[in-house]
Amino acid sequence: MIKRILVLVIAIQFAGCAELQNVVKNLPTGGGLSQDQIGNGLRQALDNGIKNQVSKLTSKDGFYKNQLVKIILPEELQAVDKGLRSIGLGNLADEGIKVLNRAAEDAVKTATPIFVNAVKEITFNDAKNILLGEKNAATSFLQTKTEQNLYESFTPVIDKSFAKVGADKVWNNLISRYNSIPFVKKVNPDLTNYVTTEALKGVFTMIAVEEKGIREKAGLRNTALLKQVFALQDNK
């Protein structure tokens, strides 16, 4: 079995996608588990990521005080931050960053079912490839397959959260103040797009944290299926 898995690892490095799928299909099922069972185990790992990690993002300061996912100003707005601080409006600049993170926290809370459904709808045709891949292989697969649909669903949620937490008013005031500074280049940023993108990055980052934990620590495998499935990758 170990020799055959080594063949798979070599194939991952050198084979094209179609060839790799053939290698995966020709591998014997390990530990008496079907490919569907392996896929279900990976879904459980992703579900755990949503339950145990993404839920942390929905609490107060879930984004703001988590350095892994904290939303900071994009490069084009760093001049705004610097400009406001230079005229004694540091508190307003700080509030601007905080409300972006508050909007993300509120939006993730509202949109959690979107992420749950996205996991349920994934078909892991290449389940073994994911299982034997990197520590975040399942998360990366989820991101690749769902990010565009999630973005489209998540954007209106962010819009509503901006209004709910008052981020729209804070940033209208902040931008107006900055644009009134003599000789500065006027800005009109698309903050909805930016926060949507950053919030989704945060979600996938936290799911990856849970997946990595399950892969590396047997104690985090809290179902029989997770224990069986990830025992296979332990022996690769």
Protein backbone atom coordinates (compact mmCIF):
# COMPACT_ATOMS: atom_id res chain seq x y z
CA MET A 1 0.00 0.00 0.00
CA ILE A 2 2.81 2.42 0.94
CA LYS A 3 4.52 1.81 -2.41
CA ARG A 4 1.31 2.57 -4.29
CA ILE A 5 0.80 5.79 -2.36
CA LEU A 6 4.37 6.81 -3.17
CA VAL A 7 3.47 6.30 -6.82
CA LEU A 8 0.58 8.73 -6.30
CA VAL A 9 2.85 11.35 -4.72
CA ILE A 10 5.23 11.11 -7.70
CA ALA A 11 2.25 11.36 -10.04
CA ILE A 12 1.06 14.53 -8.32
CA GLN A 13 4.41 16.11 -9.05
CA PHE A 14 4.84 15.03 -12.65
CA ALA A 15 1.53 13.98 -14.22
CA GLY A 16 -1.07 16.11 -15.93
CA CYS A 17 -4.52 16.44 -14.40
CA ALA A 18 -6.13 13.74 -16.57
CA GLU A 19 -3.28 11.32 -15.92
CA LEU A 20 -3.46 12.03 -12.20
CA GLN A 21 -7.16 11.20 -12.10
CA ASN A 22 -6.41 7.83 -13.71
CA VAL A 23 -3.77 7.11 -11.07
CA VAL A 24 -6.20 8.03 -8.30
CA LYS A 25 -8.96 5.84 -9.76
CA ASN A 26 -6.61 2.87 -10.03
CA LEU A 27 -5.56 3.02 -6.40
CA PRO A 28 -7.15 0.37 -4.18
CA THR A 29 -9.53 1.69 -1.54
CA GLY A 30 -7.66 1.93 1.76
CA GLY A 31 -8.98 0.59 5.03
CA GLY A 32 -12.17 -0.73 3.46
CA LEU A 33 -13.40 2.81 2.73
CA SER A 34 -15.13 3.72 -0.50
CA GLN A 35 -14.40 6.94 -2.35
CA ASP A 36 -17.80 8.22 -1.20
CA GLN A 37 -16.85 7.56 2.42
CA ILE A 38 -13.56 9.40 1.96
CA GLY A 39 -15.46 12.29 0.40
CA ASN A 40 -17.93 12.34 3.30
CA GLY A 41 -15.04 12.37 5.75
CA LEU A 42 -13.55 15.38 4.00
CA ARG A 43 -16.93 17.10 4.10
CA GLN A 44 -17.09 16.47 7.83
CA ALA A 45 -13.68 18.11 8.21
CA LEU A 46 -14.92 21.17 6.30
CA ASP A 47 -18.15 21.22 8.33
CA ASN A 48 -16.02 21.21 11.48
CA GLY A 49 -14.09 24.15 10.08
CA ILE A 50 -17.32 26.10 9.70
CA LYS A 51 -18.66 25.07 13.10
CA ASN A 52 -15.48 25.42 15.15
CA GLN A 53 -13.53 28.15 13.38
CA VAL A 54 -15.76 30.24 11.11
CA SER A 55 -18.22 30.69 14.00
CA LYS A 56 -15.42 32.52 15.87
CA LEU A 57 -15.42 35.16 13.15
CA THR A 58 -19.02 36.10 13.91
CA SER A 59 -18.33 37.21 17.48
CA LYS A 60 -17.37 40.77 18.40
CA ASP A 61 -13.79 41.37 17.27
CA GLY A 62 -13.82 37.98 15.54
CA PHE A 63 -12.04 39.61 12.61
CA TYR A 64 -10.65 42.72 14.26
CA LYS A 65 -8.59 40.95 16.95
CA ASN A 66 -7.64 37.88 14.90
CA GLN A 67 -4.36 38.65 13.16
CA LEU A 68 -4.89 35.78 10.72
CA VAL A 69 -7.93 37.46 9.19
CA LYS A 70 -8.05 41.08 10.37
CA ILE A 71 -9.11 43.34 7.53
CA ILE A 72 -6.68 46.20 7.03
CA LEU A 73 -6.91 49.03 4.56
CA PRO A 74 -6.04 48.28 0.95
CA GLU A 75 -2.92 49.95 -0.39
CA GLU A 76 -4.83 52.69 -2.18
CA LEU A 77 -6.48 53.73 1.11
CA GLN A 78 -3.35 53.74 3.25
CA ALA A 79 -2.79 57.30 2.07
CA VAL A 80 -6.23 58.13 3.46
CA ASP A 81 -5.27 56.67 6.83
CA LYS A 82 -1.98 58.55 6.88
CA GLY A 83 -3.59 61.79 5.73
CA LEU A 84 -6.29 61.73 8.41
CA ARG A 85 -3.78 61.00 11.14
CA SER A 86 -1.62 63.88 9.93
CA ILE A 87 -4.46 66.34 10.63
CA GLY A 88 -5.33 64.90 14.04
CA LEU A 89 -8.11 62.54 12.97
CA GLY A 90 -6.45 59.32 14.13
CA ASN A 91 -9.56 58.25 16.04
CA LEU A 92 -11.66 58.49 12.88
CA ALA A 93 -9.06 56.46 10.96
CA ASP A 94 -9.10 53.78 13.69
CA GLU A 95 -12.89 53.67 13.60
CA GLY A 96 -12.82 53.25 9.83
CA ILE A 97 -10.75 50.07 10.11
CA LYS A 98 -12.85 48.76 12.99
CA VAL A 99 -16.19 49.13 11.20
CA LEU A 100 -14.89 47.28 8.12
CA ASN A 101 -14.16 44.34 10.40
CA ARG A 102 -17.51 44.73 12.17
CA ALA A 103 -19.28 44.51 8.81
CA ALA A 104 -17.40 41.31 7.98
CA GLU A 105 -18.29 39.79 11.37
CA ASP A 106 -21.97 40.56 10.89
CA ALA A 107 -22.00 39.35 7.28
CA VAL A 108 -20.36 36.01 8.06
CA LYS A 109 -22.98 35.42 10.75
CA THR A 110 -25.76 36.01 8.25
CA ALA A 111 -24.10 34.03 5.47
CA THR A 112 -22.99 30.93 7.40
CA PRO A 113 -25.73 28.80 5.73
CA ILE A 114 -24.20 29.72 2.36
CA PHE A 115 -20.94 28.10 3.39
CA VAL A 116 -22.68 25.06 4.88
CA ASN A 117 -24.65 24.46 1.68
CA ALA A 118 -21.54 24.94 -0.44
CA VAL A 119 -19.85 22.10 1.43
CA LYS A 120 -22.87 19.82 1.01
CA GLU A 121 -22.99 20.37 -2.73
CA ILE A 122 -19.36 19.43 -3.41
CA THR A 123 -18.74 16.13 -5.14
CA PHE A 124 -15.29 14.83 -4.31
CA ASN A 125 -14.60 12.88 -7.49
CA ASP A 126 -10.91 13.13 -6.69
CA ALA A 127 -11.29 12.45 -2.97
CA LYS A 128 -8.08 10.49 -2.55
CA ASN A 129 -6.06 13.16 -4.28
CA ILE A 130 -7.39 15.69 -1.78
CA LEU A 131 -6.83 13.38 1.15
CA LEU A 132 -3.20 12.77 0.22
CA GLY A 133 -2.56 16.40 -0.68
CA GLU A 134 -1.38 19.41 1.29
CA LYS A 135 -2.60 20.27 4.79
CA ASN A 136 -5.24 22.59 3.30
CA ALA A 137 -6.08 20.56 0.18
CA ALA A 138 -9.79 20.14 1.00
CA THR A 139 -10.14 23.83 1.86
CA SER A 140 -8.38 24.85 -1.36
CA PHE A 141 -10.69 22.55 -3.33
CA LEU A 142 -13.73 24.10 -1.63
CA GLN A 143 -12.43 27.59 -2.37
CA THR A 144 -11.76 26.86 -6.04
CA LYS A 145 -15.16 25.29 -6.60
CA THR A 146 -17.31 27.75 -4.64
CA GLU A 147 -15.59 31.12 -4.36
CA GLN A 148 -17.30 32.79 -7.32
CA ASN A 149 -20.79 31.69 -6.26
CA LEU A 150 -20.05 32.60 -2.67
CA TYR A 151 -18.81 36.02 -3.76
CA GLU A 152 -22.03 36.70 -5.67
CA SER A 153 -24.15 35.57 -2.71
CA PHE A 154 -22.00 37.31 -0.12
CA THR A 155 -21.77 40.76 -1.73
CA PRO A 156 -25.37 41.83 -0.95
CA VAL A 157 -24.93 40.51 2.59
CA ILE A 158 -21.88 42.75 3.04
CA ASP A 159 -23.89 45.70 1.71
CA LYS A 160 -26.58 45.14 4.34
CA SER A 161 -23.99 44.67 7.07
CA PHE A 162 -22.30 47.95 6.12
CA ALA A 163 -25.56 49.75 6.82
CA LYS A 164 -26.35 47.67 9.90
CA VAL A 165 -23.09 48.43 11.73
CA GLY A 166 -22.92 52.02 10.44
CA ALA A 167 -19.82 51.43 8.32
CA ASP A 168 -21.35 53.27 5.37
CA LYS A 169 -21.80 56.48 7.39
CA VAL A 170 -18.36 56.24 8.98
CA TRP A 171 -16.67 55.80 5.63
CA ASN A 172 -18.71 58.50 3.87
CA ASN A 173 -17.55 60.89 6.58
CA LEU A 174 -13.99 59.57 6.49
CA ILE A 175 -13.64 59.87 2.71
CA SER A 176 -15.25 63.32 2.71
CA ARG A 177 -12.81 64.52 5.36
CA TYR A 178 -9.85 63.12 3.46
CA ASN A 179 -10.93 64.48 0.09
CA SER A 180 -11.25 67.94 1.64
CA ILE A 181 -7.53 67.99 2.54
CA PRO A 182 -5.76 70.37 0.12
CA PHE A 183 -3.69 68.83 -2.69
CA VAL A 184 -4.58 65.18 -1.96
CA LYS A 185 -5.62 62.83 -4.73
CA LYS A 186 -9.36 62.27 -4.37
CA VAL A 187 -10.51 58.71 -3.66
CA ASN A 188 -13.78 56.85 -4.07
CA PRO A 189 -13.06 53.23 -3.10
CA ASP A 190 -15.30 50.22 -3.71
CA LEU A 191 -15.30 49.03 -0.11
CA THR A 192 -18.07 46.49 -0.62
CA ASN A 193 -15.97 44.59 -3.12
CA TYR A 194 -12.88 44.84 -0.93
CA VAL A 195 -14.54 43.69 2.30
CA THR A 196 -16.38 40.89 0.50
CA THR A 197 -13.09 39.57 -0.88
CA GLU A 198 -11.26 39.91 2.45
CA ALA A 199 -14.10 38.35 4.45
CA LEU A 200 -14.15 35.32 2.16
CA LYS A 201 -10.38 35.00 2.53
CA GLY A 202 -10.90 35.02 6.28
CA VAL A 203 -13.52 32.29 6.10
CA PHE A 204 -11.31 29.99 4.03
CA THR A 205 -8.32 30.76 6.27
CA MET A 206 -10.20 29.58 9.36
CA ILE A 207 -11.55 26.46 7.62
CA ALA A 208 -7.95 25.66 6.67
CA VAL A 209 -6.91 26.03 10.33
CA GLU A 210 -9.41 23.34 11.30
CA GLU A 211 -8.47 21.06 8.41
CA LYS A 212 -4.78 21.31 9.31
CA GLY A 213 -5.62 20.49 12.93
CA ILE A 214 -7.63 17.41 11.97
CA ARG A 215 -4.87 16.21 9.66
CA GLU A 216 -2.15 16.65 12.30
CA LYS A 217 -3.93 15.86 15.58
CA ALA A 218 -5.86 12.63 15.89
CA GLY A 219 -7.64 14.01 18.98
CA LEU A 220 -9.53 16.51 16.82
CA ARG A 221 -11.12 13.74 14.75
CA ASN A 222 -14.41 13.70 16.58
CA THR A 223 -16.32 11.12 14.53
CA ALA A 224 -15.59 7.52 13.61
CA LEU A 225 -15.53 8.43 9.92
CA LEU A 226 -13.00 11.22 10.45
CA LYS A 227 -10.78 8.83 12.35
CA GLN A 228 -10.98 6.21 9.59
CA VAL A 229 -10.50 8.61 6.70
CA PHE A 230 -7.60 10.59 8.11
CA ALA A 231 -5.87 7.44 9.30
CA LEU A 232 -5.28 6.82 5.58
CA GLN A 233 -3.35 10.06 5.17
CA ASP A 234 -1.38 9.35 8.35
CA ASN A 235 0.16 6.36 6.60
CA LYS A 236 0.95 8.02 3.27
